[in-house]
Amino acid sequence: MSKKVKIYTKTGDDGTTGLVGGSRVKKYDFRLEAYGTVDELNSWIGLLRSHHLPEDENTYLIQIQNKLFNIGSRLASDKKGNEFTLSLSVKEQDIVEIESAIDELEKNLPELRQFILPGGNTVVSQCHVARTVCRRAERRILEFSEHAPVEKEIIKYINRLSDFLFIMARKLAADNGFEETPWKH
């Protein structure tokens, strides 16, 4: 950013917020639910990064956080703003990249043969919280997509991200010597 950002503008005091492109919508609009949940997910991933993670995993989470900011910007763009944020679009390569990251995290894990309960330690549990917030973000984005066009790559990326967070939780549990607790039905 090249200019100082003012924290309070008072323009939202009427219950509306400005979109990228200039139009205003109610703060409870489907669009805001979608990108607000993406923002919440980004914060949970930031909390996850506050743990002492391996450097490569921390670096990849930073890339994910940047991608989530891009996704939020795309979701926050009206017709006029879409031109401005077009360069922030999720590409098919981003999806291939996260699938490769999932494969890399999973390659030394025991095969999953049953559902497991979230938990193990704080960092593993926070991965699971981020995963469930990611699933909610996906639902909010899908709901918003019934009212306005949403790039299919955004939906795919968020879907893969929840898988990534699940596998990351399993890997962190394994790395820290925590046994997974199977679901007993």
C-alpha atoms as a PDB file:
ATOM      1  CA  MET A   1       0.000   0.000   0.000  1.00  0.00           C
ATOM      2  CA  SER A   2       1.364   3.391  -0.923  1.00  0.00           C
ATOM      3  CA  LYS A   3      -0.743   5.639   1.280  1.00  0.00           C
ATOM      4  CA  LYS A   4      -1.620   5.502   4.949  1.00  0.00           C
ATOM      5  CA  VAL A   5      -4.833   3.598   5.635  1.00  0.00           C
ATOM      6  CA  LYS A   6      -7.281   5.291   7.960  1.00  0.00           C
ATOM      7  CA  ILE A   7      -8.690   2.757  10.437  1.00  0.00           C
ATOM      8  CA  TYR A   8     -12.029   4.426  10.973  1.00  0.00           C
ATOM      9  CA  THR A   9     -13.922   6.124   8.179  1.00  0.00           C
ATOM     10  CA  LYS A  10     -17.404   6.288   9.739  1.00  0.00           C
ATOM     11  CA  THR A  11     -18.905   5.315   6.366  1.00  0.00           C
ATOM     12  CA  GLY A  12     -20.084   1.988   7.790  1.00  0.00           C
ATOM     13  CA  ASP A  13     -22.047   3.558  10.632  1.00  0.00           C
ATOM     14  CA  ASP A  14     -25.214   3.149   8.567  1.00  0.00           C
ATOM     15  CA  GLY A  15     -24.803  -0.648   8.433  1.00  0.00           C
ATOM     16  CA  THR A  16     -23.280  -0.772   4.971  1.00  0.00           C
ATOM     17  CA  THR A  17     -19.784  -1.388   3.661  1.00  0.00           C
ATOM     18  CA  GLY A  18     -18.011  -0.426   0.475  1.00  0.00           C
ATOM     19  CA  LEU A  19     -16.980  -3.007  -2.086  1.00  0.00           C
ATOM     20  CA  VAL A  20     -13.916  -2.890  -4.297  1.00  0.00           C
ATOM     21  CA  GLY A  21     -15.342  -0.846  -7.142  1.00  0.00           C
ATOM     22  CA  GLY A  22     -17.332   1.582  -5.024  1.00  0.00           C
ATOM     23  CA  SER A  23     -20.822   0.148  -4.544  1.00  0.00           C
ATOM     24  CA  ARG A  24     -22.186  -0.322  -1.027  1.00  0.00           C
ATOM     25  CA  VAL A  25     -24.014  -3.310   0.461  1.00  0.00           C
ATOM     26  CA  LYS A  26     -25.454  -4.234   3.839  1.00  0.00           C
ATOM     27  CA  LYS A  27     -22.954  -5.719   6.258  1.00  0.00           C
ATOM     28  CA  TYR A  28     -24.992  -8.926   6.443  1.00  0.00           C
ATOM     29  CA  ASP A  29     -24.993  -9.433   2.651  1.00  0.00           C
ATOM     30  CA  PHE A  30     -24.172 -12.937   1.324  1.00  0.00           C
ATOM     31  CA  ARG A  31     -21.003 -11.490  -0.175  1.00  0.00           C
ATOM     32  CA  LEU A  32     -19.774 -10.262   3.201  1.00  0.00           C
ATOM     33  CA  GLU A  33     -20.574 -13.587   4.830  1.00  0.00           C
ATOM     34  CA  ALA A  34     -18.383 -15.226   2.173  1.00  0.00           C
ATOM     35  CA  TYR A  35     -15.349 -12.973   2.343  1.00  0.00           C
ATOM     36  CA  GLY A  36     -15.746 -12.369   6.077  1.00  0.00           C
ATOM     37  CA  THR A  37     -15.467 -16.107   6.706  1.00  0.00           C
ATOM     38  CA  VAL A  38     -12.404 -16.243   4.441  1.00  0.00           C
ATOM     39  CA  ASP A  39     -10.934 -13.460   6.597  1.00  0.00           C
ATOM     40  CA  GLU A  40     -11.745 -15.446   9.752  1.00  0.00           C
ATOM     41  CA  LEU A  41     -10.023 -18.483   8.239  1.00  0.00           C
ATOM     42  CA  ASN A  42      -6.981 -16.355   7.472  1.00  0.00           C
ATOM     43  CA  SER A  43      -6.849 -15.306  11.135  1.00  0.00           C
ATOM     44  CA  TRP A  44      -7.033 -18.925  12.319  1.00  0.00           C
ATOM     45  CA  ILE A  45      -4.164 -19.801   9.996  1.00  0.00           C
ATOM     46  CA  GLY A  46      -2.246 -16.855  11.463  1.00  0.00           C
ATOM     47  CA  LEU A  47      -2.817 -18.322  14.921  1.00  0.00           C
ATOM     48  CA  LEU A  48      -1.650 -21.691  13.659  1.00  0.00           C
ATOM     49  CA  ARG A  49       1.547 -20.034  12.392  1.00  0.00           C
ATOM     50  CA  SER A  50       2.249 -18.685  15.893  1.00  0.00           C
ATOM     51  CA  HIS A  51       3.340 -22.201  16.855  1.00  0.00           C
ATOM     52  CA  HIS A  52       6.855 -23.319  16.080  1.00  0.00           C
ATOM     53  CA  LEU A  53       6.119 -25.103  12.813  1.00  0.00           C
ATOM     54  CA  PRO A  54       8.731 -26.440  10.441  1.00  0.00           C
ATOM     55  CA  GLU A  55       9.982 -23.584   8.253  1.00  0.00           C
ATOM     56  CA  ASP A  56       8.673 -25.034   4.974  1.00  0.00           C
ATOM     57  CA  GLU A  57       5.180 -25.514   6.437  1.00  0.00           C
ATOM     58  CA  ASN A  58       5.190 -22.002   7.911  1.00  0.00           C
ATOM     59  CA  THR A  59       6.312 -20.557   4.561  1.00  0.00           C
ATOM     60  CA  TYR A  60       3.551 -22.419   2.733  1.00  0.00           C
ATOM     61  CA  LEU A  61       0.951 -21.179   5.236  1.00  0.00           C
ATOM     62  CA  ILE A  62       2.081 -17.607   4.486  1.00  0.00           C
ATOM     63  CA  GLN A  63       1.491 -18.311   0.778  1.00  0.00           C
ATOM     64  CA  ILE A  64      -1.973 -19.613   1.669  1.00  0.00           C
ATOM     65  CA  GLN A  65      -2.701 -16.496   3.717  1.00  0.00           C
ATOM     66  CA  ASN A  66      -1.735 -14.299   0.771  1.00  0.00           C
ATOM     67  CA  LYS A  67      -3.962 -16.385  -1.509  1.00  0.00           C
ATOM     68  CA  LEU A  68      -6.838 -16.002   0.981  1.00  0.00           C
ATOM     69  CA  PHE A  69      -6.393 -12.211   0.889  1.00  0.00           C
ATOM     70  CA  ASN A  70      -6.590 -12.418  -2.914  1.00  0.00           C
ATOM     71  CA  ILE A  71      -9.746 -14.539  -2.684  1.00  0.00           C
ATOM     72  CA  GLY A  72     -11.280 -12.091  -0.231  1.00  0.00           C
ATOM     73  CA  SER A  73     -10.486  -9.221  -2.605  1.00  0.00           C
ATOM     74  CA  ARG A  74     -12.113 -11.046  -5.516  1.00  0.00           C
ATOM     75  CA  LEU A  75     -15.213 -11.816  -3.450  1.00  0.00           C
ATOM     76  CA  ALA A  76     -15.359  -8.183  -2.281  1.00  0.00           C
ATOM     77  CA  SER A  77     -15.306  -6.827  -5.843  1.00  0.00           C
ATOM     78  CA  ASP A  78     -18.375  -5.493  -7.581  1.00  0.00           C
ATOM     79  CA  LYS A  79     -18.548  -5.376 -11.412  1.00  0.00           C
ATOM     80  CA  LYS A  80     -16.301  -2.327 -11.585  1.00  0.00           C
ATOM     81  CA  GLY A  81     -13.900  -3.762  -8.996  1.00  0.00           C
ATOM     82  CA  ASN A  82     -13.567  -7.066 -10.860  1.00  0.00           C
ATOM     83  CA  GLU A  83     -11.349  -5.365 -13.428  1.00  0.00           C
ATOM     84  CA  PHE A  84      -9.170  -3.950 -10.653  1.00  0.00           C
ATOM     85  CA  THR A  85      -8.739  -7.305  -8.844  1.00  0.00           C
ATOM     86  CA  LEU A  86      -8.567  -9.576 -11.924  1.00  0.00           C
ATOM     87  CA  SER A  87      -4.843 -10.218 -11.403  1.00  0.00           C
ATOM     88  CA  LEU A  88      -5.670 -11.711  -7.972  1.00  0.00           C
ATOM     89  CA  SER A  89      -7.704 -14.572  -9.462  1.00  0.00           C
ATOM     90  CA  VAL A  90      -7.038 -18.145  -8.361  1.00  0.00           C
ATOM     91  CA  LYS A  91      -5.425 -20.092 -11.178  1.00  0.00           C
ATOM     92  CA  GLU A  92      -5.568 -23.800 -11.943  1.00  0.00           C
ATOM     93  CA  GLN A  93      -1.845 -23.879 -11.052  1.00  0.00           C
ATOM     94  CA  ASP A  94      -2.738 -22.800  -7.482  1.00  0.00           C
ATOM     95  CA  ILE A  95      -4.982 -25.845  -7.178  1.00  0.00           C
ATOM     96  CA  VAL A  96      -2.295 -28.162  -8.573  1.00  0.00           C
ATOM     97  CA  GLU A  97       0.177 -26.649  -6.092  1.00  0.00           C
ATOM     98  CA  ILE A  98      -2.014 -27.267  -3.042  1.00  0.00           C
ATOM     99  CA  GLU A  99      -2.742 -30.822  -4.215  1.00  0.00           C
ATOM    100  CA  SER A 100       1.032 -31.404  -4.430  1.00  0.00           C
ATOM    101  CA  ALA A 101       1.440 -29.998  -0.914  1.00  0.00           C
ATOM    102  CA  ILE A 102      -1.252 -32.390   0.349  1.00  0.00           C
ATOM    103  CA  ASP A 103       0.515 -35.324  -1.323  1.00  0.00           C
ATOM    104  CA  GLU A 104       3.843 -34.289   0.203  1.00  0.00           C
ATOM    105  CA  LEU A 105       2.401 -33.997   3.744  1.00  0.00           C
ATOM    106  CA  GLU A 106       0.543 -37.287   3.406  1.00  0.00           C
ATOM    107  CA  LYS A 107       3.268 -39.475   1.905  1.00  0.00           C
ATOM    108  CA  ASN A 108       4.672 -40.784   5.221  1.00  0.00           C
ATOM    109  CA  LEU A 109       1.402 -40.906   7.175  1.00  0.00           C
ATOM    110  CA  PRO A 110      -0.345 -44.166   8.001  1.00  0.00           C
ATOM    111  CA  GLU A 111      -3.275 -44.917   5.715  1.00  0.00           C
ATOM    112  CA  LEU A 112      -6.529 -43.510   7.062  1.00  0.00           C
ATOM    113  CA  ARG A 113      -9.036 -46.332   7.575  1.00  0.00           C
ATOM    114  CA  GLN A 114     -11.584 -44.633   9.852  1.00  0.00           C
ATOM    115  CA  PHE A 115     -12.756 -41.236  10.983  1.00  0.00           C
ATOM    116  CA  ILE A 116     -10.611 -39.602  13.644  1.00  0.00           C
ATOM    117  CA  LEU A 117     -11.553 -37.159  16.367  1.00  0.00           C
ATOM    118  CA  PRO A 118      -9.971 -33.703  16.234  1.00  0.00           C
ATOM    119  CA  GLY A 119      -7.312 -33.203  18.873  1.00  0.00           C
ATOM    120  CA  GLY A 120      -3.868 -34.234  20.002  1.00  0.00           C
ATOM    121  CA  ASN A 121      -2.387 -30.976  21.186  1.00  0.00           C
ATOM    122  CA  THR A 122      -3.019 -27.271  20.675  1.00  0.00           C
ATOM    123  CA  VAL A 123      -1.447 -26.932  17.234  1.00  0.00           C
ATOM    124  CA  VAL A 124      -3.184 -30.053  15.889  1.00  0.00           C
ATOM    125  CA  SER A 125      -6.500 -28.857  17.315  1.00  0.00           C
ATOM    126  CA  GLN A 126      -6.015 -25.419  15.755  1.00  0.00           C
ATOM    127  CA  CYS A 127      -5.457 -27.088  12.380  1.00  0.00           C
ATOM    128  CA  HIS A 128      -8.824 -28.781  12.819  1.00  0.00           C
ATOM    129  CA  VAL A 129     -10.500 -25.511  13.830  1.00  0.00           C
ATOM    130  CA  ALA A 130      -9.048 -23.851  10.722  1.00  0.00           C
ATOM    131  CA  ARG A 131     -10.296 -26.813   8.651  1.00  0.00           C
ATOM    132  CA  THR A 132     -13.853 -26.443   9.945  1.00  0.00           C
ATOM    133  CA  VAL A 133     -13.815 -22.674   9.383  1.00  0.00           C
ATOM    134  CA  CYS A 134     -12.555 -23.417   5.868  1.00  0.00           C
ATOM    135  CA  ARG A 135     -15.541 -25.707   5.291  1.00  0.00           C
ATOM    136  CA  ARG A 136     -17.856 -22.928   6.501  1.00  0.00           C
ATOM    137  CA  ALA A 137     -16.125 -20.476   4.142  1.00  0.00           C
ATOM    138  CA  GLU A 138     -16.776 -22.919   1.324  1.00  0.00           C
ATOM    139  CA  ARG A 139     -20.483 -23.073   2.230  1.00  0.00           C
ATOM    140  CA  ARG A 140     -20.724 -19.270   2.422  1.00  0.00           C
ATOM    141  CA  ILE A 141     -18.966 -18.896  -0.952  1.00  0.00           C
ATOM    142  CA  LEU A 142     -21.305 -21.452  -2.539  1.00  0.00           C
ATOM    143  CA  GLU A 143     -24.298 -19.634  -1.069  1.00  0.00           C
ATOM    144  CA  PHE A 144     -23.000 -16.328  -2.440  1.00  0.00           C
ATOM    145  CA  SER A 145     -22.414 -17.957  -5.846  1.00  0.00           C
ATOM    146  CA  GLU A 146     -26.185 -18.420  -6.133  1.00  0.00           C
ATOM    147  CA  HIS A 147     -26.523 -14.604  -6.159  1.00  0.00           C
ATOM    148  CA  ALA A 148     -23.443 -13.547  -8.142  1.00  0.00           C
ATOM    149  CA  PRO A 149     -20.783 -15.191 -10.301  1.00  0.00           C
ATOM    150  CA  VAL A 150     -17.861 -16.748  -8.407  1.00  0.00           C
ATOM    151  CA  GLU A 151     -14.852 -18.218 -10.183  1.00  0.00           C
ATOM    152  CA  LYS A 152     -14.935 -22.012  -9.983  1.00  0.00           C
ATOM    153  CA  GLU A 153     -11.225 -22.005  -9.118  1.00  0.00           C
ATOM    154  CA  ILE A 154     -11.975 -20.162  -5.857  1.00  0.00           C
ATOM    155  CA  ILE A 155     -14.416 -22.886  -4.837  1.00  0.00           C
ATOM    156  CA  LYS A 156     -11.949 -25.635  -5.799  1.00  0.00           C
ATOM    157  CA  TYR A 157      -9.097 -23.950  -3.934  1.00  0.00           C
ATOM    158  CA  ILE A 158     -11.089 -23.548  -0.716  1.00  0.00           C
ATOM    159  CA  ASN A 159     -12.226 -27.185  -0.976  1.00  0.00           C
ATOM    160  CA  ARG A 160      -8.611 -28.357  -1.359  1.00  0.00           C
ATOM    161  CA  LEU A 161      -7.488 -26.065   1.452  1.00  0.00           C
ATOM    162  CA  SER A 162      -9.740 -27.845   3.945  1.00  0.00           C
ATOM    163  CA  ASP A 163      -8.168 -31.140   2.823  1.00  0.00           C
ATOM    164  CA  PHE A 164      -4.706 -29.606   3.230  1.00  0.00           C
ATOM    165  CA  LEU A 165      -5.514 -28.482   6.782  1.00  0.00           C
ATOM    166  CA  PHE A 166      -6.803 -31.956   7.666  1.00  0.00           C
ATOM    167  CA  ILE A 167      -3.635 -33.619   6.380  1.00  0.00           C
ATOM    168  CA  MET A 168      -1.477 -30.985   8.059  1.00  0.00           C
ATOM    169  CA  ALA A 169      -3.217 -31.777  11.371  1.00  0.00           C
ATOM    170  CA  ARG A 170      -2.461 -35.473  10.873  1.00  0.00           C
ATOM    171  CA  LYS A 171       1.179 -34.756  10.000  1.00  0.00           C
ATOM    172  CA  LEU A 172       1.686 -32.447  12.977  1.00  0.00           C
ATOM    173  CA  ALA A 173       0.156 -35.096  15.244  1.00  0.00           C
ATOM    174  CA  ALA A 174       2.510 -37.728  13.836  1.00  0.00           C
ATOM    175  CA  ASP A 175       5.538 -35.403  14.035  1.00  0.00           C
ATOM    176  CA  ASN A 176       4.773 -34.696  17.716  1.00  0.00           C
ATOM    177  CA  GLY A 177       4.103 -38.333  18.609  1.00  0.00           C
ATOM    178  CA  PHE A 178       0.351 -37.968  19.227  1.00  0.00           C
ATOM    179  CA  GLU A 179      -1.819 -40.946  18.420  1.00  0.00           C
ATOM    180  CA  GLU A 180      -4.958 -40.246  16.471  1.00  0.00           C
ATOM    181  CA  THR A 181      -8.154 -41.028  18.348  1.00  0.00           C
ATOM    182  CA  PRO A 182     -10.558 -43.059  16.229  1.00  0.00           C
ATOM    183  CA  TRP A 183     -14.243 -42.223  16.209  1.00  0.00           C
ATOM    184  CA  LYS A 184     -16.194 -44.915  18.035  1.00  0.00           C
ATOM    185  CA  HIS A 185     -19.766 -45.107  16.808  1.00  0.00           C
END
